[in-house]
PDB file of N, CA and C in Angstrom:
ATOM      1  N   MET A   1     -15.652  -5.015  -9.426  1.00  0.00           N
ATOM      2  CA  MET A   1     -16.673  -3.994  -9.351  1.00  0.00           C
ATOM      3  C   MET A   1     -17.969  -4.467  -9.992  1.00  0.00           C
ATOM      4  N   ARG A   2     -17.825  -5.129 -11.120  1.00  0.00           N
ATOM      5  CA  ARG A   2     -19.021  -5.565 -11.824  1.00  0.00           C
ATOM      6  C   ARG A   2     -19.768  -6.644 -11.034  1.00  0.00           C
ATOM      7  N   ALA A   3     -19.028  -7.532 -10.375  1.00  0.00           N
ATOM      8  CA  ALA A   3     -19.651  -8.640  -9.644  1.00  0.00           C
ATOM      9  C   ALA A   3     -20.573  -8.149  -8.534  1.00  0.00           C
ATOM     10  N   ASN A   4     -20.181  -7.057  -7.846  1.00  0.00           N
ATOM     11  CA  ASN A   4     -21.049  -6.564  -6.771  1.00  0.00           C
ATOM     12  C   ASN A   4     -21.845  -5.328  -7.210  1.00  0.00           C
ATOM     13  N   ARG A   5     -22.010  -5.180  -8.518  1.00  0.00           N
ATOM     14  CA  ARG A   5     -22.797  -4.091  -9.100  1.00  0.00           C
ATOM     15  C   ARG A   5     -22.367  -2.733  -8.536  1.00  0.00           C
ATOM     16  N   GLY A   6     -21.088  -2.443  -8.662  1.00  0.00           N
ATOM     17  CA  GLY A   6     -20.514  -1.216  -8.121  1.00  0.00           C
ATOM     18  C   GLY A   6     -21.227   0.033  -8.615  1.00  0.00           C
ATOM     19  N   ALA A   7     -21.565   0.893  -7.685  1.00  0.00           N
ATOM     20  CA  ALA A   7     -22.276   2.127  -7.995  1.00  0.00           C
ATOM     21  C   ALA A   7     -21.297   3.203  -8.450  1.00  0.00           C
ATOM     22  N   ALA A   8     -21.837   4.233  -9.085  1.00  0.00           N
ATOM     23  CA  ALA A   8     -21.032   5.369  -9.520  1.00  0.00           C
ATOM     24  C   ALA A   8     -20.651   6.222  -8.314  1.00  0.00           C
ATOM     25  N   GLY A   9     -19.508   6.895  -8.417  1.00  0.00           N
ATOM     26  CA  GLY A   9     -19.039   7.785  -7.352  1.00  0.00           C
ATOM     27  C   GLY A   9     -19.566   9.193  -7.543  1.00  0.00           C
ATOM     28  N   VAL A  10     -18.842  10.172  -7.005  1.00  0.00           N
ATOM     29  CA  VAL A  10     -19.297  11.568  -7.059  1.00  0.00           C
ATOM     30  C   VAL A  10     -19.381  12.100  -8.484  1.00  0.00           C
ATOM     31  N   ASP A  11     -18.654  11.497  -9.413  1.00  0.00           N
ATOM     32  CA  ASP A  11     -18.691  11.951 -10.806  1.00  0.00           C
ATOM     33  C   ASP A  11     -19.870  11.357 -11.581  1.00  0.00           C
ATOM     34  N   ASP A  12     -20.643  10.491 -10.930  1.00  0.00           N
ATOM     35  CA  ASP A  12     -21.813   9.828 -11.536  1.00  0.00           C
ATOM     36  C   ASP A  12     -21.458   9.008 -12.776  1.00  0.00           C
ATOM     37  N   GLU A  13     -20.198   8.581 -12.905  1.00  0.00           N
ATOM     38  CA  GLU A  13     -19.784   7.754 -14.032  1.00  0.00           C
ATOM     39  C   GLU A  13     -19.924   6.288 -13.642  1.00  0.00           C
ATOM     40  N   SER A  14     -20.756   5.563 -14.356  1.00  0.00           N
ATOM     41  CA  SER A  14     -20.974   4.135 -14.096  1.00  0.00           C
ATOM     42  C   SER A  14     -19.846   3.321 -14.729  1.00  0.00           C
ATOM     43  N   ILE A  15     -19.825   2.033 -14.430  1.00  0.00           N
ATOM     44  CA  ILE A  15     -18.852   1.130 -15.040  1.00  0.00           C
ATOM     45  C   ILE A  15     -19.039   1.128 -16.555  1.00  0.00           C
ATOM     46  N   GLU A  16     -20.283   1.100 -17.002  1.00  0.00           N
ATOM     47  CA  GLU A  16     -20.575   1.085 -18.433  1.00  0.00           C
ATOM     48  C   GLU A  16     -20.077   2.360 -19.110  1.00  0.00           C
ATOM     49  N   MET A  17     -20.260   3.502 -18.453  1.00  0.00           N
ATOM     50  CA  MET A  17     -19.785   4.764 -19.014  1.00  0.00           C
ATOM     51  C   MET A  17     -18.253   4.782 -19.083  1.00  0.00           C
ATOM     52  N   PHE A  18     -17.592   4.266 -18.054  1.00  0.00           N
ATOM     53  CA  PHE A  18     -16.127   4.212 -18.042  1.00  0.00           C
ATOM     54  C   PHE A  18     -15.646   3.322 -19.188  1.00  0.00           C
ATOM     55  N   GLU A  19     -16.314   2.183 -19.372  1.00  0.00           N
ATOM     56  CA  GLU A  19     -15.922   1.244 -20.420  1.00  0.00           C
ATOM     57  C   GLU A  19     -16.171   1.795 -21.822  1.00  0.00           C
ATOM     58  N   ALA A  20     -17.133   2.696 -21.967  1.00  0.00           N
ATOM     59  CA  ALA A  20     -17.416   3.276 -23.286  1.00  0.00           C
ATOM     60  C   ALA A  20     -16.199   4.019 -23.831  1.00  0.00           C
ATOM     61  N   GLY A  21     -15.420   4.621 -22.970  1.00  0.00           N
ATOM     62  CA  GLY A  21     -14.186   5.294 -23.373  1.00  0.00           C
ATOM     63  C   GLY A  21     -12.984   4.638 -22.705  1.00  0.00           C
ATOM     64  N   LEU A  22     -12.971   3.302 -22.681  1.00  0.00           N
ATOM     65  CA  LEU A  22     -12.007   2.543 -21.888  1.00  0.00           C
ATOM     66  C   LEU A  22     -10.554   2.909 -22.179  1.00  0.00           C
ATOM     67  N   SER A  23     -10.160   2.895 -23.445  1.00  0.00           N
ATOM     68  CA  SER A  23      -8.754   3.184 -23.782  1.00  0.00           C
ATOM     69  C   SER A  23      -8.352   4.569 -23.304  1.00  0.00           C
ATOM     70  N   ARG A  24      -9.171   5.549 -23.585  1.00  0.00           N
ATOM     71  CA  ARG A  24      -8.878   6.924 -23.172  1.00  0.00           C
ATOM     72  C   ARG A  24      -8.857   7.048 -21.654  1.00  0.00           C
ATOM     73  N   ASN A  25      -9.840   6.441 -20.996  1.00  0.00           N
ATOM     74  CA  ASN A  25      -9.921   6.535 -19.529  1.00  0.00           C
ATOM     75  C   ASN A  25      -8.741   5.845 -18.848  1.00  0.00           C
ATOM     76  N   LEU A  26      -8.375   4.661 -19.332  1.00  0.00           N
ATOM     77  CA  LEU A  26      -7.234   3.952 -18.742  1.00  0.00           C
ATOM     78  C   LEU A  26      -5.929   4.701 -19.008  1.00  0.00           C
ATOM     79  N   TYR A  27      -5.787   5.273 -20.217  1.00  0.00           N
ATOM     80  CA  TYR A  27      -4.584   6.046 -20.523  1.00  0.00           C
ATOM     81  C   TYR A  27      -4.483   7.264 -19.612  1.00  0.00           C
ATOM     82  N   THR A  28      -5.577   7.971 -19.424  1.00  0.00           N
ATOM     83  CA  THR A  28      -5.587   9.149 -18.549  1.00  0.00           C
ATOM     84  C   THR A  28      -5.211   8.756 -17.126  1.00  0.00           C
ATOM     85  N   LEU A  29      -5.803   7.685 -16.644  1.00  0.00           N
ATOM     86  CA  LEU A  29      -5.510   7.212 -15.286  1.00  0.00           C
ATOM     87  C   LEU A  29      -4.045   6.800 -15.162  1.00  0.00           C
ATOM     88  N   TRP A  30      -3.541   6.019 -16.124  1.00  0.00           N
ATOM     89  CA  TRP A  30      -2.137   5.594 -16.106  1.00  0.00           C
ATOM     90  C   TRP A  30      -1.212   6.804 -16.145  1.00  0.00           C
ATOM     91  N   ASN A  31      -1.514   7.764 -17.010  1.00  0.00           N
ATOM     92  CA  ASN A  31      -0.673   8.938 -17.155  1.00  0.00           C
ATOM     93  C   ASN A  31      -0.590   9.713 -15.842  1.00  0.00           C
ATOM     94  N   ARG A  32      -1.699   9.904 -15.188  1.00  0.00           N
ATOM     95  CA  ARG A  32      -1.708  10.632 -13.911  1.00  0.00           C
ATOM     96  C   ARG A  32      -0.971   9.862 -12.822  1.00  0.00           C
ATOM     97  N   MET A  33      -1.193   8.550 -12.765  1.00  0.00           N
ATOM     98  CA  MET A  33      -0.516   7.751 -11.734  1.00  0.00           C
ATOM     99  C   MET A  33       0.990   7.699 -11.984  1.00  0.00           C
ATOM    100  N   ALA A  34       1.392   7.514 -13.231  1.00  0.00           N
ATOM    101  CA  ALA A  34       2.811   7.404 -13.572  1.00  0.00           C
ATOM    102  C   ALA A  34       3.552   8.715 -13.360  1.00  0.00           C
ATOM    103  N   SER A  35       2.872   9.841 -13.570  1.00  0.00           N
ATOM    104  CA  SER A  35       3.532  11.138 -13.433  1.00  0.00           C
ATOM    105  C   SER A  35       3.493  11.670 -12.002  1.00  0.00           C
ATOM    106  N   GLY A  36       2.736  10.994 -11.149  1.00  0.00           N
ATOM    107  CA  GLY A  36       2.622  11.457  -9.758  1.00  0.00           C
ATOM    108  C   GLY A  36       1.601  12.561  -9.578  1.00  0.00           C
ATOM    109  N   SER A  37       0.787  12.798 -10.598  1.00  0.00           N
ATOM    110  CA  SER A  37      -0.207  13.876 -10.492  1.00  0.00           C
ATOM    111  C   SER A  37      -1.609  13.350 -10.171  1.00  0.00           C
ATOM    112  N   TYR A  38      -1.721  12.072  -9.838  1.00  0.00           N
ATOM    113  CA  TYR A  38      -3.043  11.513  -9.519  1.00  0.00           C
ATOM    114  C   TYR A  38      -3.416  11.850  -8.088  1.00  0.00           C
ATOM    115  N   PHE A  39      -4.564  12.432  -7.921  1.00  0.00           N
ATOM    116  CA  PHE A  39      -5.142  12.677  -6.601  1.00  0.00           C
ATOM    117  C   PHE A  39      -6.534  12.094  -6.635  1.00  0.00           C
ATOM    118  N   ARG A  40      -6.826  11.301  -5.636  1.00  0.00           N
ATOM    119  CA  ARG A  40      -8.143  10.666  -5.650  1.00  0.00           C
ATOM    120  C   ARG A  40      -9.230  11.709  -5.458  1.00  0.00           C
ATOM    121  N   PRO A  41     -10.339  11.532  -6.153  1.00  0.00           N
ATOM    122  CA  PRO A  41     -11.461  12.455  -5.996  1.00  0.00           C
ATOM    123  C   PRO A  41     -12.198  12.193  -4.691  1.00  0.00           C
ATOM    124  N   PRO A  42     -13.081  13.096  -4.301  1.00  0.00           N
ATOM    125  CA  PRO A  42     -13.875  12.859  -3.092  1.00  0.00           C
ATOM    126  C   PRO A  42     -14.686  11.565  -3.215  1.00  0.00           C
ATOM    127  N   VAL A  43     -15.067  11.038  -2.080  1.00  0.00           N
ATOM    128  CA  VAL A  43     -15.858   9.811  -2.027  1.00  0.00           C
ATOM    129  C   VAL A  43     -17.321  10.186  -1.810  1.00  0.00           C
ATOM    130  N   LYS A  44     -18.197   9.561  -2.566  1.00  0.00           N
ATOM    131  CA  LYS A  44     -19.632   9.805  -2.443  1.00  0.00           C
ATOM    132  C   LYS A  44     -20.163   9.097  -1.204  1.00  0.00           C
ATOM    133  N   GLN A  45     -20.866   9.808  -0.350  1.00  0.00           N
ATOM    134  CA  GLN A  45     -21.426   9.205   0.853  1.00  0.00           C
ATOM    135  C   GLN A  45     -22.851   8.737   0.575  1.00  0.00           C
ATOM    136  N   VAL A  46     -23.090   7.456   0.873  1.00  0.00           N
ATOM    137  CA  VAL A  46     -24.403   6.855   0.674  1.00  0.00           C
ATOM    138  C   VAL A  46     -24.831   6.247   1.998  1.00  0.00           C
ATOM    139  N   GLU A  47     -26.090   6.444   2.366  1.00  0.00           N
ATOM    140  CA  GLU A  47     -26.607   5.855   3.602  1.00  0.00           C
ATOM    141  C   GLU A  47     -27.324   4.558   3.277  1.00  0.00           C
ATOM    142  N   ILE A  48     -26.926   3.498   3.976  1.00  0.00           N
ATOM    143  CA  ILE A  48     -27.488   2.167   3.774  1.00  0.00           C
ATOM    144  C   ILE A  48     -28.344   1.826   4.989  1.00  0.00           C
ATOM    145  N   PRO A  49     -29.601   1.431   4.785  1.00  0.00           N
ATOM    146  CA  PRO A  49     -30.447   1.082   5.929  1.00  0.00           C
ATOM    147  C   PRO A  49     -29.967  -0.197   6.622  1.00  0.00           C
ATOM    148  N   LYS A  50     -30.029  -0.203   7.964  1.00  0.00           N
ATOM    149  CA  LYS A  50     -29.683  -1.391   8.744  1.00  0.00           C
ATOM    150  C   LYS A  50     -30.943  -2.204   9.006  1.00  0.00           C
ATOM    151  N   LYS A  51     -30.768  -3.522   9.201  1.00  0.00           N
ATOM    152  CA  LYS A  51     -31.913  -4.389   9.488  1.00  0.00           C
ATOM    153  C   LYS A  51     -32.587  -4.007  10.802  1.00  0.00           C
ATOM    154  N   GLN A  52     -31.765  -3.592  11.782  1.00  0.00           N
ATOM    155  CA  GLN A  52     -32.290  -3.244  13.105  1.00  0.00           C
ATOM    156  C   GLN A  52     -32.799  -1.804  13.160  1.00  0.00           C
ATOM    157  N   GLY A  53     -32.829  -1.129  12.049  1.00  0.00           N
ATOM    158  CA  GLY A  53     -33.240   0.270  12.002  1.00  0.00           C
ATOM    159  C   GLY A  53     -32.020   1.177  11.947  1.00  0.00           C
ATOM    160  N   GLY A  54     -32.227   2.393  11.550  1.00  0.00           N
ATOM    161  CA  GLY A  54     -31.125   3.326  11.410  1.00  0.00           C
ATOM    162  C   GLY A  54     -30.397   3.118  10.092  1.00  0.00           C
ATOM    163  N   VAL A  55     -29.305   3.821   9.934  1.00  0.00           N
ATOM    164  CA  VAL A  55     -28.522   3.726   8.705  1.00  0.00           C
ATOM    165  C   VAL A  55     -27.039   3.697   9.035  1.00  0.00           C
ATOM    166  N   ARG A  56     -26.257   3.232   8.074  1.00  0.00           N
ATOM    167  CA  ARG A  56     -24.805   3.332   8.185  1.00  0.00           C
ATOM    168  C   ARG A  56     -24.301   4.014   6.929  1.00  0.00           C
ATOM    169  N   SER A  57     -23.255   4.795   7.077  1.00  0.00           N
ATOM    170  CA  SER A  57     -22.700   5.518   5.938  1.00  0.00           C
ATOM    171  C   SER A  57     -21.700   4.642   5.201  1.00  0.00           C
ATOM    172  N   LEU A  58     -21.748   4.718   3.891  1.00  0.00           N
ATOM    173  CA  LEU A  58     -20.843   3.974   3.040  1.00  0.00           C
ATOM    174  C   LEU A  58     -20.205   4.953   2.069  1.00  0.00           C
ATOM    175  N   GLY A  59     -18.881   4.894   1.928  1.00  0.00           N
ATOM    176  CA  GLY A  59     -18.172   5.745   0.989  1.00  0.00           C
ATOM    177  C   GLY A  59     -17.999   5.022  -0.332  1.00  0.00           C
ATOM    178  N   VAL A  60     -18.424   5.655  -1.426  1.00  0.00           N
ATOM    179  CA  VAL A  60     -18.346   5.046  -2.753  1.00  0.00           C
ATOM    180  C   VAL A  60     -17.341   5.831  -3.596  1.00  0.00           C
ATOM    181  N   PRO A  61     -16.168   5.239  -3.883  1.00  0.00           N
ATOM    182  CA  PRO A  61     -15.200   5.914  -4.743  1.00  0.00           C
ATOM    183  C   PRO A  61     -15.652   5.881  -6.206  1.00  0.00           C
ATOM    184  N   THR A  62     -15.037   6.704  -7.031  1.00  0.00           N
ATOM    185  CA  THR A  62     -15.340   6.682  -8.462  1.00  0.00           C
ATOM    186  C   THR A  62     -14.816   5.382  -9.070  1.00  0.00           C
ATOM    187  N   VAL A  63     -15.298   5.032 -10.244  1.00  0.00           N
ATOM    188  CA  VAL A  63     -14.845   3.827 -10.931  1.00  0.00           C
ATOM    189  C   VAL A  63     -13.342   3.917 -11.179  1.00  0.00           C
ATOM    190  N   ALA A  64     -12.880   5.070 -11.666  1.00  0.00           N
ATOM    191  CA  ALA A  64     -11.445   5.251 -11.936  1.00  0.00           C
ATOM    192  C   ALA A  64     -10.623   5.090 -10.663  1.00  0.00           C
ATOM    193  N   ASP A  65     -11.116   5.595  -9.548  1.00  0.00           N
ATOM    194  CA  ASP A  65     -10.371   5.475  -8.302  1.00  0.00           C
ATOM    195  C   ASP A  65     -10.317   4.031  -7.823  1.00  0.00           C
ATOM    196  N   ARG A  66     -11.384   3.282  -8.017  1.00  0.00           N
ATOM    197  CA  ARG A  66     -11.360   1.861  -7.649  1.00  0.00           C
ATOM    198  C   ARG A  66     -10.340   1.100  -8.489  1.00  0.00           C
ATOM    199  N   ILE A  67     -10.234   1.451  -9.755  1.00  0.00           N
ATOM    200  CA  ILE A  67      -9.230   0.821 -10.621  1.00  0.00           C
ATOM    201  C   ILE A  67      -7.837   1.200 -10.127  1.00  0.00           C
ATOM    202  N   ALA A  68      -7.624   2.476  -9.812  1.00  0.00           N
ATOM    203  CA  ALA A  68      -6.322   2.931  -9.311  1.00  0.00           C
ATOM    204  C   ALA A  68      -5.951   2.200  -8.020  1.00  0.00           C
ATOM    205  N   GLN A  69      -6.905   2.019  -7.121  1.00  0.00           N
ATOM    206  CA  GLN A  69      -6.640   1.310  -5.867  1.00  0.00           C
ATOM    207  C   GLN A  69      -6.214  -0.128  -6.133  1.00  0.00           C
ATOM    208  N   GLN A  70      -6.876  -0.789  -7.077  1.00  0.00           N
ATOM    209  CA  GLN A  70      -6.532  -2.174  -7.392  1.00  0.00           C
ATOM    210  C   GLN A  70      -5.152  -2.271  -8.033  1.00  0.00           C
ATOM    211  N   VAL A  71      -4.798  -1.300  -8.860  1.00  0.00           N
ATOM    212  CA  VAL A  71      -3.476  -1.280  -9.487  1.00  0.00           C
ATOM    213  C   VAL A  71      -2.396  -1.168  -8.421  1.00  0.00           C
ATOM    214  N   VAL A  72      -2.574  -0.235  -7.486  1.00  0.00           N
ATOM    215  CA  VAL A  72      -1.589  -0.061  -6.416  1.00  0.00           C
ATOM    216  C   VAL A  72      -1.516  -1.304  -5.547  1.00  0.00           C
ATOM    217  N   LYS A  73      -2.664  -1.856  -5.204  1.00  0.00           N
ATOM    218  CA  LYS A  73      -2.708  -3.081  -4.392  1.00  0.00           C
ATOM    219  C   LYS A  73      -1.940  -4.212  -5.069  1.00  0.00           C
ATOM    220  N   ALA A  74      -2.209  -4.426  -6.361  1.00  0.00           N
ATOM    221  CA  ALA A  74      -1.544  -5.503  -7.090  1.00  0.00           C
ATOM    222  C   ALA A  74      -0.039  -5.269  -7.182  1.00  0.00           C
ATOM    223  N   ARG A  75       0.363  -4.019  -7.298  1.00  0.00           N
ATOM    224  CA  ARG A  75       1.784  -3.690  -7.461  1.00  0.00           C
ATOM    225  C   ARG A  75       2.577  -3.892  -6.177  1.00  0.00           C
ATOM    226  N   ILE A  76       2.021  -3.503  -5.032  1.00  0.00           N
ATOM    227  CA  ILE A  76       2.817  -3.527  -3.796  1.00  0.00           C
ATOM    228  C   ILE A  76       2.503  -4.684  -2.859  1.00  0.00           C
ATOM    229  N   GLU A  77       1.404  -5.368  -3.085  1.00  0.00           N
ATOM    230  CA  GLU A  77       0.974  -6.414  -2.158  1.00  0.00           C
ATOM    231  C   GLU A  77       2.036  -7.494  -1.956  1.00  0.00           C
ATOM    232  N   GLY A  78       2.562  -8.034  -3.031  1.00  0.00           N
ATOM    233  CA  GLY A  78       3.560  -9.093  -2.927  1.00  0.00           C
ATOM    234  C   GLY A  78       4.841  -8.628  -2.249  1.00  0.00           C
ATOM    235  N   GLU A  79       5.267  -7.398  -2.533  1.00  0.00           N
ATOM    236  CA  GLU A  79       6.494  -6.861  -1.943  1.00  0.00           C
ATOM    237  C   GLU A  79       6.355  -6.646  -0.441  1.00  0.00           C
ATOM    238  N   LEU A  80       5.191  -6.209  -0.007  1.00  0.00           N
ATOM    239  CA  LEU A  80       4.987  -5.896   1.410  1.00  0.00           C
ATOM    240  C   LEU A  80       4.637  -7.122   2.246  1.00  0.00           C
ATOM    241  N   GLU A  81       4.143  -8.155   1.614  1.00  0.00           N
ATOM    242  CA  GLU A  81       3.672  -9.334   2.340  1.00  0.00           C
ATOM    243  C   GLU A  81       4.737  -9.891   3.285  1.00  0.00           C
ATOM    244  N   GLY A  82       5.982  -9.943   2.857  1.00  0.00           N
ATOM    245  CA  GLY A  82       7.059 -10.494   3.678  1.00  0.00           C
ATOM    246  C   GLY A  82       7.419  -9.657   4.891  1.00  0.00           C
ATOM    247  N   LEU A  83       6.954  -8.417   4.939  1.00  0.00           N
ATOM    248  CA  LEU A  83       7.272  -7.534   6.064  1.00  0.00           C
ATOM    249  C   LEU A  83       6.357  -7.743   7.268  1.00  0.00           C
ATOM    250  N   PHE A  84       5.201  -8.341   7.047  1.00  0.00           N
ATOM    251  CA  PHE A  84       4.221  -8.489   8.109  1.00  0.00           C
ATOM    252  C   PHE A  84       4.482  -9.729   8.958  1.00  0.00           C
ATOM    253  N   HIS A  85       4.112  -9.647  10.218  1.00  0.00           N
ATOM    254  CA  HIS A  85       4.209 -10.783  11.127  1.00  0.00           C
ATOM    255  C   HIS A  85       3.253 -11.872  10.648  1.00  0.00           C
ATOM    256  N   PRO A  86       3.646 -13.132  10.737  1.00  0.00           N
ATOM    257  CA  PRO A  86       2.776 -14.216  10.247  1.00  0.00           C
ATOM    258  C   PRO A  86       1.420 -14.289  10.949  1.00  0.00           C
ATOM    259  N   ASP A  87       1.308 -13.731  12.156  1.00  0.00           N
ATOM    260  CA  ASP A  87       0.048 -13.797  12.887  1.00  0.00           C
ATOM    261  C   ASP A  87      -0.876 -12.607  12.621  1.00  0.00           C
ATOM    262  N   LEU A  88      -0.559 -11.771  11.660  1.00  0.00           N
ATOM    263  CA  LEU A  88      -1.469 -10.692  11.271  1.00  0.00           C
ATOM    264  C   LEU A  88      -2.373 -11.214  10.159  1.00  0.00           C
ATOM    265  N   TYR A  89      -3.683 -11.099  10.341  1.00  0.00           N
ATOM    266  CA  TYR A  89      -4.632 -11.676   9.396  1.00  0.00           C
ATOM    267  C   TYR A  89      -5.485 -10.654   8.667  1.00  0.00           C
ATOM    268  N   GLY A  90      -5.596  -9.426   9.151  1.00  0.00           N
ATOM    269  CA  GLY A  90      -6.460  -8.427   8.531  1.00  0.00           C
ATOM    270  C   GLY A  90      -5.938  -7.944   7.195  1.00  0.00           C
ATOM    271  N   TYR A  91      -6.777  -8.015   6.167  1.00  0.00           N
ATOM    272  CA  TYR A  91      -6.466  -7.506   4.828  1.00  0.00           C
ATOM    273  C   TYR A  91      -5.180  -8.091   4.266  1.00  0.00           C
ATOM    274  N   ARG A  92      -4.964  -9.373   4.512  1.00  0.00           N
ATOM    275  CA  ARG A  92      -3.736 -10.030   4.057  1.00  0.00           C
ATOM    276  C   ARG A  92      -4.026 -10.964   2.902  1.00  0.00           C
ATOM    277  N   LEU A  93      -3.025 -11.111   2.051  1.00  0.00           N
ATOM    278  CA  LEU A  93      -3.097 -12.002   0.910  1.00  0.00           C
ATOM    279  C   LEU A  93      -3.246 -13.448   1.405  1.00  0.00           C
ATOM    280  N   ASN A  94      -4.253 -14.137   0.957  1.00  0.00           N
ATOM    281  CA  ASN A  94      -4.511 -15.540   1.300  1.00  0.00           C
ATOM    282  C   ASN A  94      -4.706 -15.798   2.790  1.00  0.00           C
ATOM    283  N   LYS A  95      -5.169 -14.803   3.536  1.00  0.00           N
ATOM    284  CA  LYS A  95      -5.490 -14.994   4.955  1.00  0.00           C
ATOM    285  C   LYS A  95      -6.861 -14.402   5.220  1.00  0.00           C
ATOM    286  N   SER A  96      -7.575 -14.985   6.176  1.00  0.00           N
ATOM    287  CA  SER A  96      -8.926 -14.522   6.456  1.00  0.00           C
ATOM    288  C   SER A  96      -9.197 -14.543   7.951  1.00  0.00           C
ATOM    289  N   ALA A  97     -10.337 -14.007   8.335  1.00  0.00           N
ATOM    290  CA  ALA A  97     -10.765 -14.052   9.731  1.00  0.00           C
ATOM    291  C   ALA A  97     -10.954 -15.503  10.173  1.00  0.00           C
ATOM    292  N   ALA A  98     -11.434 -16.349   9.272  1.00  0.00           N
ATOM    293  CA  ALA A  98     -11.612 -17.771   9.596  1.00  0.00           C
ATOM    294  C   ALA A  98     -10.263 -18.431   9.895  1.00  0.00           C
ATOM    295  N   ASP A  99      -9.216 -18.036   9.176  1.00  0.00           N
ATOM    296  CA  ASP A  99      -7.867 -18.556   9.446  1.00  0.00           C
ATOM    297  C   ASP A  99      -7.401 -18.138  10.835  1.00  0.00           C
ATOM    298  N   ALA A 100      -7.668 -16.896  11.215  1.00  0.00           N
ATOM    299  CA  ALA A 100      -7.271 -16.403  12.531  1.00  0.00           C
ATOM    300  C   ALA A 100      -7.983 -17.176  13.639  1.00  0.00           C
ATOM    301  N   VAL A 101      -9.264 -17.444  13.437  1.00  0.00           N
ATOM    302  CA  VAL A 101     -10.029 -18.210  14.428  1.00  0.00           C
ATOM    303  C   VAL A 101      -9.483 -19.634  14.530  1.00  0.00           C
ATOM    304  N   ALA A 102      -9.154 -20.246  13.405  1.00  0.00           N
ATOM    305  CA  ALA A 102      -8.626 -21.617  13.420  1.00  0.00           C
ATOM    306  C   ALA A 102      -7.303 -21.695  14.174  1.00  0.00           C
ATOM    307  N   VAL A 103      -6.420 -20.735  13.943  1.00  0.00           N
ATOM    308  CA  VAL A 103      -5.132 -20.721  14.651  1.00  0.00           C
ATOM    309  C   VAL A 103      -5.353 -20.494  16.137  1.00  0.00           C
ATOM    310  N   THR A 104      -6.262 -19.604  16.478  1.00  0.00           N
ATOM    311  CA  THR A 104      -6.570 -19.328  17.886  1.00  0.00           C
ATOM    312  C   THR A 104      -7.096 -20.576  18.577  1.00  0.00           C
ATOM    313  N   ARG A 105      -8.011 -21.292  17.943  1.00  0.00           N
ATOM    314  CA  ARG A 105      -8.548 -22.532  18.523  1.00  0.00           C
ATOM    315  C   ARG A 105      -7.435 -23.548  18.760  1.00  0.00           C
ATOM    316  N   LYS A 106      -6.581 -23.709  17.771  1.00  0.00           N
ATOM    317  CA  LYS A 106      -5.480 -24.662  17.880  1.00  0.00           C
ATOM    318  C   LYS A 106      -4.572 -24.299  19.056  1.00  0.00           C
ATOM    319  N   ARG A 107      -4.257 -23.017  19.184  1.00  0.00           N
ATOM    320  CA  ARG A 107      -3.356 -22.581  20.246  1.00  0.00           C
ATOM    321  C   ARG A 107      -4.009 -22.639  21.628  1.00  0.00           C
ATOM    322  N   CYS A 108      -5.327 -22.504  21.674  1.00  0.00           N
ATOM    323  CA  CYS A 108      -6.020 -22.604  22.966  1.00  0.00           C
ATOM    324  C   CYS A 108      -5.835 -23.984  23.580  1.00  0.00           C
ATOM    325  N   TRP A 109      -5.752 -25.001  22.756  1.00  0.00           N
ATOM    326  CA  TRP A 109      -5.547 -26.355  23.265  1.00  0.00           C
ATOM    327  C   TRP A 109      -4.073 -26.633  23.555  1.00  0.00           C
ATOM    328  N   LYS A 110      -3.194 -25.864  22.930  1.00  0.00           N
ATOM    329  CA  LYS A 110      -1.760 -26.081  23.087  1.00  0.00           C
ATOM    330  C   LYS A 110      -1.179 -25.351  24.300  1.00  0.00           C
ATOM    331  N   TYR A 111      -1.677 -24.160  24.602  1.00  0.00           N
ATOM    332  CA  TYR A 111      -1.143 -23.333  25.690  1.00  0.00           C
ATOM    333  C   TYR A 111      -2.183 -23.145  26.779  1.00  0.00           C
ATOM    334  N   ASP A 112      -1.721 -22.911  27.996  1.00  0.00           N
ATOM    335  CA  ASP A 112      -2.669 -22.688  29.089  1.00  0.00           C
ATOM    336  C   ASP A 112      -2.714 -21.217  29.499  1.00  0.00           C
ATOM    337  N   TRP A 113      -2.330 -20.325  28.608  1.00  0.00           N
ATOM    338  CA  TRP A 113      -2.388 -18.895  28.871  1.00  0.00           C
ATOM    339  C   TRP A 113      -2.833 -18.164  27.595  1.00  0.00           C
ATOM    340  N   CYS A 114      -3.279 -16.935  27.766  1.00  0.00           N
ATOM    341  CA  CYS A 114      -3.772 -16.151  26.643  1.00  0.00           C
ATOM    342  C   CYS A 114      -3.420 -14.682  26.867  1.00  0.00           C
ATOM    343  N   VAL A 115      -3.039 -14.008  25.830  1.00  0.00           N
ATOM    344  CA  VAL A 115      -2.774 -12.579  25.868  1.00  0.00           C
ATOM    345  C   VAL A 115      -3.677 -11.938  24.829  1.00  0.00           C
ATOM    346  N   GLU A 116      -4.358 -10.845  25.221  1.00  0.00           N
ATOM    347  CA  GLU A 116      -5.247 -10.153  24.295  1.00  0.00           C
ATOM    348  C   GLU A 116      -4.866  -8.687  24.246  1.00  0.00           C
ATOM    349  N   PHE A 117      -4.867  -8.130  23.055  1.00  0.00           N
ATOM    350  CA  PHE A 117      -4.574  -6.716  22.871  1.00  0.00           C
ATOM    351  C   PHE A 117      -5.702  -6.059  22.117  1.00  0.00           C
ATOM    352  N   ASP A 118      -5.997  -4.839  22.485  1.00  0.00           N
ATOM    353  CA  ASP A 118      -6.992  -4.054  21.767  1.00  0.00           C
ATOM    354  C   ASP A 118      -6.341  -2.690  21.549  1.00  0.00           C
ATOM    355  N   THR A 119      -6.206  -2.289  20.291  1.00  0.00           N
ATOM    356  CA  THR A 119      -5.557  -1.002  20.013  1.00  0.00           C
ATOM    357  C   THR A 119      -6.552  -0.016  19.469  1.00  0.00           C
ATOM    358  N   ARG A 120      -6.266   1.239  19.661  1.00  0.00           N
ATOM    359  CA  ARG A 120      -7.085   2.314  19.130  1.00  0.00           C
ATOM    360  C   ARG A 120      -6.196   3.264  18.349  1.00  0.00           C
ATOM    361  N   PRO A 121      -6.708   3.774  17.222  1.00  0.00           N
ATOM    362  CA  PRO A 121      -5.892   4.711  16.432  1.00  0.00           C
ATOM    363  C   PRO A 121      -5.698   6.032  17.143  1.00  0.00           C
TER     364      PRO A 121
END
């Protein structure tokens, strides 16, 4: 969060403000997550100008919620990694879009056919 100068969420609490009461804030967050009573707060909507004109909406979670998300990610990421197909690259541990492109290029020279899928939620 600090590296990309993370903004405050709907509670207007900055990283510095969260750190000022770090022990208390982390204990409160841990207590809620451990007891099952944690519910994420609303996300602050911010409009970011586009280079070509117009704006795009960006959702900014609170500092505490970003910490909670990272805790959950760190806890379950390794356990779930083995369940995914090796050719899935989105949001995967140690995999990137560049890796997907490299594998695709390699396979284009190996096979003389291609299958493409596009899914919608």
